Amino acid sequence: MKFWSKLFAKKETAPNQSDDKDSPFKKKYLLFEELLANTASAQAIINDLEKKLVCHSQLDSQELDQAFNTLIYKIRSILANLNLIGNNKYLSLQERLEQIITSQKDFLKDSLENNRPTGSYKKLFDLIIPLNLSDREEQNFPSGSCKTLQDIIRFSQEMARQEMSKLNEVAFKQLSNARKLVAGIPLHIYLIDFGGGIEGNPKHLYPQHISSIPFRAFLNGLIAMKWPEPPPIDMGGFLGMIGHTLTIPEEEILQTGESSFSFISREYMNCAIRLGYHFSSVEAYAGNYLNNNYIRIFFKGGGAVIERRMRRVRLLTEILKKIGFEKIKINEDAIDAHLTQQDKLRIEKKLEILGKLTAYTKQQDMAMYNEAVTDFYIKEFLTQHFSN
């Protein structure tokens, strides 16, 4: 009785806007944004060195020394930000950087003293340019795998993304300065603006006030859809749902009453969405530098029995593959999918599709009583909402 009282008495209200509890989240984002800026600058230096190496262009000693020093400065800044974001979890990367620097300086000094031509600097460039981390989305890279400066840059970029993804694990009650979005859809979303995500300071927040590039695209997809009523279910599915509900821990059932929310900026979004027993998150960065852009979507849960939830997993997986997600991990009824290195326009288009997919799949696991029905829903969505 006590449990049901807690569940039905729970009312989600906007956090106290006079609090400043969001400042640690904003600080973390600003560090992330600075890290991405330095990543782009460092990568540009490496690309220029690689181009000159391929073209056998001559580099005078002063030019090479300046490029090297600037690159090291940028990477040190990247690592400093990464450790601030990740609570000093990546200090071993700094040690690896110093080892590479020592090797580079010794070779550079010897080369310059002996007036060797640029072509003989290949060993030096081999410590800067090659990318050995072929699967940048792998979550368990040891820092020792970083053999070059480019490895360190890409590793740091991926670890920073993983740290930022944890923002959506925050409980709604921990947030302040959140503003409710009025969008005419059956989904209550509160927004926390890190800067540049909302146009002006409107009294009531409507879609036309959203200036966040990724969130605006995702929201356009949500709004474009006719949100489905609960689909017809067979008695087996209904009884299965009741049985499954009784196995869900109390804390997870209470979370179904929480509001959805999103951290946003001009180029970033991290949206945590709760639809009944379903939880999903969509994180994205959409800027001008292609290597910084990415989308990550996570989905878990459902009120149906495991067989129907796994059909929903198949539906989502096949659609995500079709729209270009190259890295999809499945753990029981949980999906974690990534997409990287897309230009801003492509990121926007894919986020709009994900918004539509979010609305389309609402409560659909209840209707997936066989594989043929699942196939039908996959084909229907792709036919109506996706074209190459």
Protein backbone atom coordinates (compact mmCIF):
# COMPACT_ATOMS: atom_id res chain seq x y z
CA MET A 1 0.00 0.00 0.00
CA LYS A 2 2.86 2.32 0.85
CA PHE A 3 4.43 1.70 -2.57
CA TRP A 4 1.27 2.51 -4.55
CA SER A 5 0.77 5.65 -2.47
CA LYS A 6 4.25 6.81 -3.41
CA LEU A 7 3.65 6.05 -7.06
CA PHE A 8 0.35 7.88 -7.46
CA ALA A 9 1.29 10.73 -5.14
CA LYS A 10 4.40 11.50 -7.16
CA LYS A 11 4.12 14.80 -9.01
CA GLU A 12 6.91 16.04 -11.19
CA THR A 13 7.44 19.77 -10.95
CA ALA A 14 10.01 21.98 -12.55
CA PRO A 15 13.12 22.30 -10.40
CA ASN A 16 13.67 25.47 -8.41
CA GLN A 17 15.06 27.97 -10.87
CA SER A 18 16.67 30.01 -8.11
CA ASP A 19 19.12 27.16 -7.42
CA ASP A 20 22.45 26.92 -9.18
CA LYS A 21 22.81 23.16 -9.10
CA ASP A 22 23.30 23.00 -12.88
CA SER A 23 26.64 24.85 -12.82
CA PRO A 24 28.74 21.63 -12.54
CA PHE A 25 26.97 20.26 -15.63
CA LYS A 26 27.56 23.47 -17.57
CA LYS A 27 31.20 23.56 -16.50
CA LYS A 28 31.61 20.00 -17.73
CA TYR A 29 30.08 20.91 -21.08
CA LEU A 30 32.29 23.99 -21.50
CA LEU A 31 35.36 21.82 -20.88
CA PHE A 32 34.05 19.37 -23.49
CA GLU A 33 33.48 22.16 -26.00
CA GLU A 34 37.02 23.48 -25.47
CA LEU A 35 38.39 19.95 -25.85
CA LEU A 36 36.61 19.59 -29.20
CA ALA A 37 37.98 22.94 -30.39
CA ASN A 38 41.53 21.90 -29.55
CA THR A 39 40.93 18.51 -31.15
CA ALA A 40 39.99 20.24 -34.41
CA SER A 41 43.07 22.51 -34.25
CA ALA A 42 45.46 19.66 -33.45
CA GLN A 43 44.00 17.49 -36.21
CA ALA A 44 44.43 20.33 -38.71
CA ILE A 45 48.15 20.52 -37.87
CA ILE A 46 48.54 16.76 -38.30
CA ASN A 47 46.66 16.84 -41.62
CA ASP A 48 48.96 19.60 -42.88
CA LEU A 49 52.09 17.67 -41.89
CA GLU A 50 50.73 14.53 -43.53
CA LYS A 51 49.97 16.40 -46.74
CA LYS A 52 53.48 17.82 -46.90
CA LEU A 53 54.97 14.40 -46.23
CA VAL A 54 52.95 12.81 -49.03
CA CYS A 55 53.84 15.63 -51.45
CA HIS A 56 57.52 15.51 -50.37
CA SER A 57 57.33 19.21 -49.56
CA GLN A 58 60.32 20.74 -47.84
CA LEU A 59 59.90 21.93 -44.25
CA ASP A 60 62.49 24.25 -42.77
CA SER A 61 63.54 23.58 -39.20
CA GLN A 62 61.73 26.62 -37.80
CA GLU A 63 58.42 25.65 -39.44
CA LEU A 64 58.66 22.06 -38.23
CA ASP A 65 59.60 23.09 -34.71
CA GLN A 66 56.70 25.54 -34.54
CA ALA A 67 54.19 22.96 -35.77
CA PHE A 68 55.49 20.42 -33.27
CA ASN A 69 55.33 22.81 -30.30
CA THR A 70 51.85 24.02 -31.20
CA LEU A 71 50.62 20.46 -31.55
CA ILE A 72 52.00 19.48 -28.14
CA TYR A 73 50.43 22.55 -26.54
CA LYS A 74 47.03 21.65 -27.99
CA ILE A 75 47.26 18.02 -26.87
CA ARG A 76 48.26 18.99 -23.33
CA SER A 77 45.20 21.20 -23.18
CA ILE A 78 43.04 18.34 -24.50
CA LEU A 79 44.33 16.00 -21.78
CA ALA A 80 43.87 18.60 -19.06
CA ASN A 81 40.24 19.06 -20.05
CA LEU A 82 39.65 15.32 -20.36
CA ASN A 83 40.91 14.72 -16.83
CA LEU A 84 38.76 17.53 -15.47
CA ILE A 85 35.73 16.03 -17.20
CA GLY A 86 36.61 12.49 -16.07
CA ASN A 87 37.85 13.23 -12.51
CA ASN A 88 41.50 12.45 -13.31
CA LYS A 89 40.66 9.03 -14.72
CA TYR A 90 43.02 9.48 -17.67
CA LEU A 91 46.28 10.64 -16.06
CA SER A 92 48.18 7.75 -17.66
CA LEU A 93 47.61 9.42 -21.04
CA GLN A 94 49.78 12.32 -19.90
CA GLU A 95 52.62 9.89 -19.16
CA ARG A 96 52.22 8.35 -22.60
CA LEU A 97 52.36 11.80 -24.19
CA GLU A 98 55.61 12.64 -22.40
CA GLN A 99 57.17 9.39 -23.66
CA ILE A 100 56.27 10.28 -27.25
CA ILE A 101 57.54 13.84 -26.80
CA THR A 102 60.91 12.57 -25.55
CA SER A 103 61.31 10.30 -28.58
CA GLN A 104 60.28 13.10 -30.94
CA LYS A 105 62.62 15.70 -29.46
CA ASP A 106 65.62 13.38 -29.59
CA PHE A 107 65.02 12.54 -33.23
CA LEU A 108 64.21 16.14 -34.18
CA LYS A 109 67.37 17.43 -32.56
CA ASP A 110 69.53 14.87 -34.33
CA SER A 111 67.85 15.54 -37.69
CA LEU A 112 68.19 19.29 -37.52
CA GLU A 113 71.82 19.20 -36.35
CA ASN A 114 72.69 17.00 -39.31
CA ASN A 115 70.65 19.07 -41.80
CA ARG A 116 68.63 16.08 -42.95
CA PRO A 117 65.98 16.72 -45.62
CA THR A 118 62.29 16.48 -44.83
CA GLY A 119 62.00 13.00 -46.32
CA SER A 120 64.31 11.62 -43.64
CA TYR A 121 61.86 12.76 -40.96
CA LYS A 122 59.65 9.75 -41.62
CA LYS A 123 60.45 8.20 -38.24
CA LEU A 124 59.46 11.43 -36.57
CA PHE A 125 56.21 11.60 -38.51
CA ASP A 126 55.52 7.97 -37.60
CA LEU A 127 55.20 9.13 -33.99
CA ILE A 128 52.71 11.84 -34.98
CA ILE A 129 50.52 10.80 -37.88
CA PRO A 130 49.44 7.12 -37.98
CA LEU A 131 46.11 6.20 -36.43
CA ASN A 132 46.35 2.79 -34.77
CA LEU A 133 42.98 2.89 -33.01
CA SER A 134 40.93 1.45 -35.84
CA ASP A 135 37.74 1.10 -33.76
CA ARG A 136 37.34 4.45 -32.06
CA GLU A 137 34.00 3.46 -30.54
CA GLU A 138 35.48 0.60 -28.51
CA GLN A 139 34.93 1.45 -24.85
CA ASN A 140 37.86 -0.50 -23.38
CA PHE A 141 40.90 0.94 -25.13
CA PRO A 142 43.85 0.91 -22.72
CA SER A 143 45.76 4.19 -22.86
CA GLY A 144 48.86 2.16 -23.70
CA SER A 145 47.31 1.50 -27.12
CA CYS A 146 48.08 5.11 -28.01
CA LYS A 147 51.32 4.94 -29.98
CA THR A 148 51.11 8.30 -31.77
CA LEU A 149 49.89 11.82 -31.13
CA GLN A 150 46.93 11.21 -33.41
CA ASP A 151 46.04 8.14 -31.32
CA ILE A 152 46.00 10.29 -28.19
CA ILE A 153 43.78 12.88 -29.84
CA ARG A 154 41.22 10.36 -31.08
CA PHE A 155 41.29 8.37 -27.81
CA SER A 156 40.72 11.55 -25.80
CA GLN A 157 37.85 12.56 -28.07
CA GLU A 158 36.09 9.22 -27.60
CA MET A 159 36.63 9.13 -23.83
CA ALA A 160 35.25 12.67 -23.54
CA ARG A 161 32.12 11.60 -25.43
CA GLN A 162 31.66 8.67 -23.06
CA GLU A 163 31.99 10.95 -20.04
CA MET A 164 29.46 13.41 -21.48
CA SER A 165 26.97 10.62 -22.14
CA LYS A 166 26.66 10.17 -18.37
CA LEU A 167 24.81 13.49 -18.09
CA ASN A 168 21.53 11.74 -18.86
CA GLU A 169 21.97 9.53 -15.77
CA VAL A 170 21.21 12.53 -13.57
CA ALA A 171 17.91 12.38 -11.67
CA PHE A 172 15.47 15.09 -12.73
CA LYS A 173 15.16 16.38 -9.16
CA GLN A 174 18.88 17.22 -9.19
CA LEU A 175 18.40 19.83 -11.91
CA SER A 176 17.67 23.51 -11.67
CA ASN A 177 16.94 26.25 -14.21
CA ALA A 178 15.02 23.72 -16.32
CA ARG A 179 12.30 25.12 -18.57
CA LYS A 180 9.30 23.16 -19.76
CA LEU A 181 8.91 22.93 -23.52
CA VAL A 182 5.39 23.39 -24.88
CA ALA A 183 5.35 21.42 -28.14
CA GLY A 184 1.87 19.90 -28.47
CA ILE A 185 3.08 16.31 -28.08
CA PRO A 186 2.34 13.79 -25.30
CA LEU A 187 5.87 14.05 -23.97
CA HIS A 188 6.87 16.45 -21.21
CA ILE A 189 10.41 17.68 -21.83
CA TYR A 190 12.33 20.15 -19.68
CA LEU A 191 15.34 21.93 -21.19
CA ILE A 192 18.57 23.03 -19.51
CA ASP A 193 20.43 25.47 -21.76
CA PHE A 194 24.22 25.52 -21.58
CA GLY A 195 24.27 28.51 -23.91
CA GLY A 196 22.96 29.17 -27.39
CA GLY A 197 20.26 26.52 -27.23
CA ILE A 198 17.31 28.88 -26.70
CA GLU A 199 16.62 32.09 -28.59
CA GLY A 200 16.13 35.00 -26.21
CA ASN A 201 14.35 34.58 -22.88
CA PRO A 202 10.71 33.86 -23.74
CA LYS A 203 8.12 33.62 -20.98
CA HIS A 204 6.76 30.40 -22.49
CA LEU A 205 9.08 28.07 -24.36
CA TYR A 206 7.81 26.89 -27.77
CA PRO A 207 9.57 25.03 -30.62
CA GLN A 208 10.22 28.28 -32.51
CA HIS A 209 12.45 29.42 -29.64
CA ILE A 210 14.83 26.47 -30.01
CA SER A 211 18.17 27.43 -31.58
CA SER A 212 20.02 24.23 -30.66
CA ILE A 213 20.87 22.66 -34.03
CA PRO A 214 20.67 18.99 -32.97
CA PHE A 215 17.73 19.31 -30.57
CA ARG A 216 15.71 21.34 -33.08
CA ALA A 217 16.16 18.57 -35.66
CA PHE A 218 15.19 15.86 -33.16
CA LEU A 219 12.18 17.90 -32.03
CA ASN A 220 11.07 18.39 -35.64
CA GLY A 221 10.88 14.61 -35.93
CA LEU A 222 8.86 14.29 -32.72
CA ILE A 223 6.40 16.95 -33.83
CA ALA A 224 6.05 15.64 -37.40
CA MET A 225 4.60 12.34 -36.23
CA LYS A 226 1.05 11.48 -35.30
CA TRP A 227 1.67 9.96 -31.92
CA PRO A 228 0.09 6.51 -31.81
CA GLU A 229 -2.60 5.43 -29.44
CA PRO A 230 -1.77 2.26 -27.54
CA PRO A 231 -1.74 -0.43 -30.28
CA PRO A 232 -4.10 -3.38 -30.15
CA ILE A 233 -2.71 -6.21 -28.08
CA ASP A 234 -3.70 -9.81 -27.71
CA MET A 235 -4.65 -11.27 -24.34
CA GLY A 236 -1.32 -13.07 -24.11
CA GLY A 237 0.53 -9.79 -24.44
CA PHE A 238 -1.68 -8.10 -21.86
CA LEU A 239 -1.25 -10.88 -19.29
CA GLY A 240 2.47 -11.00 -20.05
CA MET A 241 2.73 -7.26 -19.40
CA ILE A 242 1.07 -7.67 -15.99
CA GLY A 243 3.35 -10.55 -15.11
CA HIS A 244 6.45 -8.64 -16.27
CA THR A 245 5.42 -5.53 -14.32
CA LEU A 246 5.33 -7.52 -11.09
CA THR A 247 8.99 -8.45 -11.62
CA ILE A 248 10.20 -4.84 -12.10
CA PRO A 249 11.98 -3.38 -9.05
CA GLU A 250 10.07 -0.68 -7.17
CA GLU A 251 12.66 2.02 -7.91
CA GLU A 252 12.32 1.41 -11.68
CA ILE A 253 8.52 1.64 -11.53
CA LEU A 254 8.76 4.92 -9.63
CA GLN A 255 11.09 6.28 -12.34
CA THR A 256 8.30 5.93 -14.91
CA GLY A 257 6.72 9.05 -13.41
CA GLU A 258 9.80 11.19 -13.99
CA SER A 259 9.87 13.85 -16.67
CA SER A 260 12.04 13.77 -19.75
CA PHE A 261 14.76 16.41 -19.99
CA SER A 262 17.53 17.56 -22.28
CA PHE A 263 20.76 19.47 -21.87
CA ILE A 264 21.24 21.64 -24.94
CA SER A 265 23.58 24.19 -26.48
CA ARG A 266 23.88 25.63 -29.97
CA GLU A 267 25.65 22.48 -31.22
CA TYR A 268 24.93 19.87 -28.52
CA MET A 269 22.04 17.90 -27.05
CA ASN A 270 21.76 15.13 -24.47
CA CYS A 271 18.12 14.14 -24.12
CA ALA A 272 16.80 11.61 -21.58
CA ILE A 273 13.34 10.38 -22.56
CA ARG A 274 10.93 8.40 -20.41
CA LEU A 275 7.88 6.84 -22.01
CA GLY A 276 6.26 4.55 -19.48
CA TYR A 277 8.64 1.67 -18.84
CA HIS A 278 10.84 2.66 -21.76
CA PHE A 279 13.95 4.76 -21.29
CA SER A 280 15.95 6.17 -24.17
CA SER A 281 18.59 8.81 -24.57
CA VAL A 282 19.79 10.65 -27.65
CA GLU A 283 23.06 12.55 -27.51
CA ALA A 284 24.48 14.47 -30.45
CA TYR A 285 26.96 17.11 -31.52
CA ALA A 286 26.41 18.98 -34.78
CA GLY A 287 29.15 21.47 -35.55
CA ASN A 288 31.22 22.59 -38.51
CA TYR A 289 34.09 20.14 -37.94
CA LEU A 290 33.11 16.71 -39.25
CA ASN A 291 35.34 14.66 -36.89
CA ASN A 292 33.65 16.18 -33.83
CA ASN A 293 30.13 15.33 -34.95
CA TYR A 294 28.34 12.27 -33.65
CA ILE A 295 25.05 10.75 -32.50
CA ARG A 296 24.61 8.21 -29.74
CA ILE A 297 21.27 6.59 -28.97
CA PHE A 298 20.55 4.30 -26.04
CA PHE A 299 17.32 2.39 -25.49
CA LYS A 300 16.17 0.02 -22.77
CA GLY A 301 13.02 -1.34 -21.22
CA GLY A 302 9.40 -1.98 -21.96
CA GLY A 303 6.32 -3.35 -20.29
CA ALA A 304 6.03 -6.47 -22.44
CA VAL A 305 7.53 -9.90 -21.86
CA ILE A 306 11.09 -10.51 -23.02
CA GLU A 307 10.15 -12.08 -26.37
CA ARG A 308 8.22 -8.98 -27.44
CA ARG A 309 10.87 -6.63 -26.11
CA MET A 310 13.46 -8.49 -28.17
CA ARG A 311 11.32 -8.05 -31.28
CA ARG A 312 11.33 -4.35 -30.53
CA VAL A 313 15.13 -4.53 -30.28
CA ARG A 314 15.23 -6.15 -33.73
CA LEU A 315 12.97 -3.45 -35.15
CA LEU A 316 15.14 -0.64 -33.78
CA THR A 317 18.38 -2.35 -34.76
CA GLU A 318 17.38 -2.93 -38.38
CA ILE A 319 16.11 0.63 -38.77
CA LEU A 320 19.25 2.11 -37.18
CA LYS A 321 21.47 0.08 -39.51
CA LYS A 322 19.47 1.22 -42.50
CA ILE A 323 19.85 4.91 -41.62
CA GLY A 324 23.62 4.59 -41.19
CA PHE A 325 24.53 3.66 -37.61
CA GLU A 326 27.77 1.72 -37.99
CA LYS A 327 28.24 0.61 -34.39
CA ILE A 328 25.34 -1.06 -32.56
CA LYS A 329 25.72 -2.99 -29.32
CA ILE A 330 22.91 -5.12 -27.92
CA ASN A 331 22.71 -6.41 -24.35
CA GLU A 332 19.42 -8.26 -23.78
CA ASP A 333 16.74 -5.58 -24.35
CA ALA A 334 19.21 -2.66 -24.34
CA ILE A 335 20.58 -1.00 -27.48
CA ASP A 336 23.59 1.34 -27.60
CA ALA A 337 24.24 2.73 -31.09
CA HIS A 338 26.79 5.22 -32.40
CA LEU A 339 27.27 7.23 -35.56
CA THR A 340 30.33 9.43 -36.15
CA GLN A 341 32.08 11.64 -38.70
CA GLN A 342 29.03 13.04 -40.44
CA ASP A 343 28.60 16.58 -41.65
CA LYS A 344 26.15 18.84 -39.86
CA LEU A 345 23.38 18.45 -42.44
CA ARG A 346 23.50 14.65 -42.26
CA ILE A 347 23.47 14.77 -38.46
CA GLU A 348 20.34 16.93 -38.57
CA LYS A 349 18.57 14.61 -41.02
CA LYS A 350 19.33 11.52 -38.95
CA LEU A 351 18.21 13.20 -35.73
CA GLU A 352 14.88 14.08 -37.34
CA ILE A 353 14.45 10.41 -38.27
CA LEU A 354 15.28 9.42 -34.69
CA GLY A 355 12.62 11.82 -33.43
CA LYS A 356 10.09 10.12 -35.70
CA LEU A 357 11.30 6.69 -34.59
CA THR A 358 10.85 7.65 -30.93
CA ALA A 359 7.19 8.48 -31.52
CA TYR A 360 6.63 5.53 -33.86
CA THR A 361 7.82 2.89 -31.42
CA LYS A 362 5.84 4.15 -28.42
CA GLN A 363 4.30 1.09 -26.74
CA GLN A 364 4.80 -0.94 -29.91
CA ASP A 365 6.42 -3.87 -28.15
CA MET A 366 2.95 -4.77 -26.86
CA ALA A 367 1.78 -5.43 -30.43
CA MET A 368 4.75 -7.50 -31.61
CA TYR A 369 3.28 -10.93 -31.05
CA ASN A 370 5.17 -12.54 -33.95
CA GLU A 371 8.06 -11.90 -36.34
CA ALA A 372 5.80 -11.10 -39.30
CA VAL A 373 4.24 -8.16 -37.43
CA THR A 374 7.73 -6.91 -36.58
CA ASP A 375 8.74 -7.13 -40.25
CA PHE A 376 5.65 -5.14 -41.19
CA TYR A 377 6.48 -2.31 -38.77
CA ILE A 378 10.09 -2.16 -39.99
CA LYS A 379 9.03 -1.90 -43.62
CA GLU A 380 6.28 0.61 -42.85
CA PHE A 381 8.61 3.00 -41.03
CA LEU A 382 11.36 2.86 -43.62
CA THR A 383 8.88 3.32 -46.47
CA GLN A 384 7.18 6.33 -44.89
CA HIS A 385 10.06 8.10 -43.16
CA PHE A 386 13.38 7.19 -44.76
CA SER A 387 14.76 7.61 -48.25
CA ASN A 388 18.41 7.34 -49.30
